[in-house]
Amino acid sequence: REVAASFLTRFCRVDWRVGLRHFQEHLVDADEAIGALAWQTAAGTALVASDILDPVLAARKCDVSGDYTRKWIPALAQVPAKYVHCPWEVDPRQGPTHWPRVLVDGSPTKQVSDADRRATPVRASSKWSL
C-alpha cells in the first residue's frame, strides 16, 4: 500500500485524495483516519513526509521470484525472473521487448528528476479529478 501510494503521488502526480478514495472503496480493512494520514505521508504533504519509495526495488525485495507480479500482470508470464520487475531491460533474445523504458508523468519518454518533482506542485488532472 505504501509503495502504491508513493508511486501514484510522487511519480504519477496523482492527488493523494484520489488514491485514498480508491483504497477506501476497495479495501475491506480501510480506515479513513489512518488511510488519510498514510496517503498524506506518502505524498509528502503531511507534517512528517516519508521517503520516495522505489517501486522496482520494493518489488524485488518483496517478490523475489516474481510469482506475485506474474499473477496480477499476465503479460509478464514469459519474462525471465531477473527482469520481471524491470521488463524494459530484457535482452531481445530472452523475451518480449515492447515495454516502455520509463513510465513517469504519463509519458514513456519524459523522465522527471527528483528536484523537478519536488518543485512541481501536485495537481489532479481531469482523469484523476476529485
Foldseek 3Di string as FASTA:
>chain_A
DLLVLLCCCQFQLFDLVLVLVVCVVPPPPDDNVVSVQSSCQSNVNDPHHDDRDDPLVVCCVPPVQCPVVCVVVVVLVQPHSVCSSPLCPDDPVRDDNPDQNDCGNNDSVDDDDSVRSVVDHRDHDPVRDD
